[in-house]
C-alpha atoms as a PDB file:
ATOM      1  CA  UNK A   1    -143.378-197.224 161.422  1.00  0.00           C
ATOM      2  CA  UNK A   2    -141.451-194.358 159.809  1.00  0.00           C
ATOM      3  CA  UNK A   3    -141.531-194.149 156.013  1.00  0.00           C
ATOM      4  CA  UNK A   4    -139.145-192.098 153.920  1.00  0.00           C
ATOM      5  CA  UNK A   5    -140.192-190.897 150.471  1.00  0.00           C
ATOM      6  CA  UNK A   6    -136.893-190.852 148.604  1.00  0.00           C
ATOM      7  CA  UNK A   7    -136.983-189.460 145.103  1.00  0.00           C
ATOM      8  CA  UNK A   8    -140.374-187.774 145.428  1.00  0.00           C
ATOM      9  CA  UNK A   9    -140.175-184.075 144.704  1.00  0.00           C
ATOM     10  CA  UNK A  10    -142.636-181.800 146.498  1.00  0.00           C
ATOM     11  CA  UNK A  11    -145.179-180.217 144.200  1.00  0.00           C
ATOM     12  CA  UNK A  12    -144.828-176.498 143.671  1.00  0.00           C
ATOM     13  CA  UNK A  13    -147.668-174.130 143.070  1.00  0.00           C
ATOM     14  CA  UNK A  14    -147.377-172.143 139.849  1.00  0.00           C
ATOM     15  CA  UNK A  15    -145.956-168.670 140.480  1.00  0.00           C
ATOM     16  CA  UNK A  16    -147.874-166.018 138.566  1.00  0.00           C
ATOM     17  CA  UNK A  17    -145.528-163.794 136.602  1.00  0.00           C
ATOM     18  CA  UNK A  18    -146.680-160.308 135.868  1.00  0.00           C
ATOM     19  CA  UNK A  19    -145.438-158.211 133.019  1.00  0.00           C
ATOM     20  CA  UNK A  20    -144.979-154.470 132.872  1.00  0.00           C
ATOM     21  CA  UNK A  21    -145.389-152.346 129.814  1.00  0.00           C
ATOM     22  CA  UNK A  22    -142.106-151.235 128.253  1.00  0.00           C
ATOM     23  CA  UNK A  23    -140.735-148.246 130.140  1.00  0.00           C
ATOM     24  CA  UNK A  24    -142.930-148.894 133.192  1.00  0.00           C
ATOM     25  CA  UNK A  25    -141.405-150.754 136.113  1.00  0.00           C
ATOM     26  CA  UNK A  26    -142.486-151.256 139.668  1.00  0.00           C
ATOM     27  CA  UNK A  27    -143.660-148.134 141.485  1.00  0.00           C
ATOM     28  CA  UNK A  28    -141.194-146.784 144.046  1.00  0.00           C
ATOM     29  CA  UNK A  29    -141.539-148.208 147.528  1.00  0.00           C
ATOM     30  CA  UNK A  30    -142.923-145.877 150.180  1.00  0.00           C
ATOM     31  CA  UNK A  31    -140.535-144.924 152.968  1.00  0.00           C
ATOM     32  CA  UNK A  32    -141.767-145.832 156.404  1.00  0.00           C
ATOM     33  CA  UNK A  33    -141.123-143.450 159.292  1.00  0.00           C
ATOM     34  CA  UNK A  34    -137.904-144.201 161.127  1.00  0.00           C
ATOM     35  CA  UNK A  35    -136.082-142.650 164.078  1.00  0.00           C
ATOM     36  CA  UNK A  36    -132.808-143.157 162.225  1.00  0.00           C
ATOM     37  CA  UNK A  37    -133.932-140.825 159.423  1.00  0.00           C
ATOM     38  CA  UNK A  38    -134.680-137.987 161.858  1.00  0.00           C
ATOM     39  CA  UNK A  39    -132.189-135.247 162.602  1.00  0.00           C
ATOM     40  CA  UNK A  40    -130.245-135.250 165.857  1.00  0.00           C
ATOM     41  CA  UNK A  41    -132.257-132.266 167.109  1.00  0.00           C
ATOM     42  CA  UNK A  42    -135.547-134.095 166.505  1.00  0.00           C
ATOM     43  CA  UNK A  43    -134.290-137.217 168.283  1.00  0.00           C
ATOM     44  CA  UNK A  44    -133.095-135.178 171.269  1.00  0.00           C
ATOM     45  CA  UNK A  45    -136.438-133.357 171.429  1.00  0.00           C
ATOM     46  CA  UNK A  46    -138.321-136.669 171.489  1.00  0.00           C
ATOM     47  CA  UNK A  47    -136.001-138.014 174.190  1.00  0.00           C
ATOM     48  CA  UNK A  48    -136.466-134.851 176.286  1.00  0.00           C
ATOM     49  CA  UNK A  49    -140.252-135.079 175.924  1.00  0.00           C
ATOM     50  CA  UNK A  50    -140.232-138.730 177.015  1.00  0.00           C
ATOM     51  CA  UNK A  51    -138.022-137.929 180.014  1.00  0.00           C
ATOM     52  CA  UNK A  52    -140.309-135.053 181.023  1.00  0.00           C
ATOM     53  CA  UNK A  53    -143.346-137.320 180.684  1.00  0.00           C
ATOM     54  CA  UNK A  54    -141.688-139.980 182.815  1.00  0.00           C
ATOM     55  CA  UNK A  55    -140.770-137.441 185.533  1.00  0.00           C
ATOM     56  CA  UNK A  56    -144.300-136.020 185.452  1.00  0.00           C
ATOM     57  CA  UNK A  57    -145.598-139.543 186.076  1.00  0.00           C
ATOM     58  CA  UNK A  58    -143.164-140.038 188.968  1.00  0.00           C
ATOM     59  CA  UNK A  59    -144.096-136.716 190.581  1.00  0.00           C
ATOM     60  CA  UNK A  60    -147.811-137.428 190.116  1.00  0.00           C
ATOM     61  CA  UNK A  61    -147.393-140.866 191.708  1.00  0.00           C
ATOM     62  CA  UNK A  62    -145.550-139.346 194.693  1.00  0.00           C
ATOM     63  CA  UNK A  63    -148.371-136.825 195.324  1.00  0.00           C
ATOM     64  CA  UNK A  64    -151.106-139.456 195.321  1.00  0.00           C
END
């Protein structure tokens, strides 16, 4: 049989609040590496290297 608990609120765990000293906030977040932050020249160089690696694999597979 299905029971429905109407009016019963789920219990919440207490959320610890941390305080910072006056004038001191959170430290800045570290930037993760991203292709979108690279210059166009760097992105083209990576693409060319991947294409060359792929062709090297194709040519090696054809020789074997």
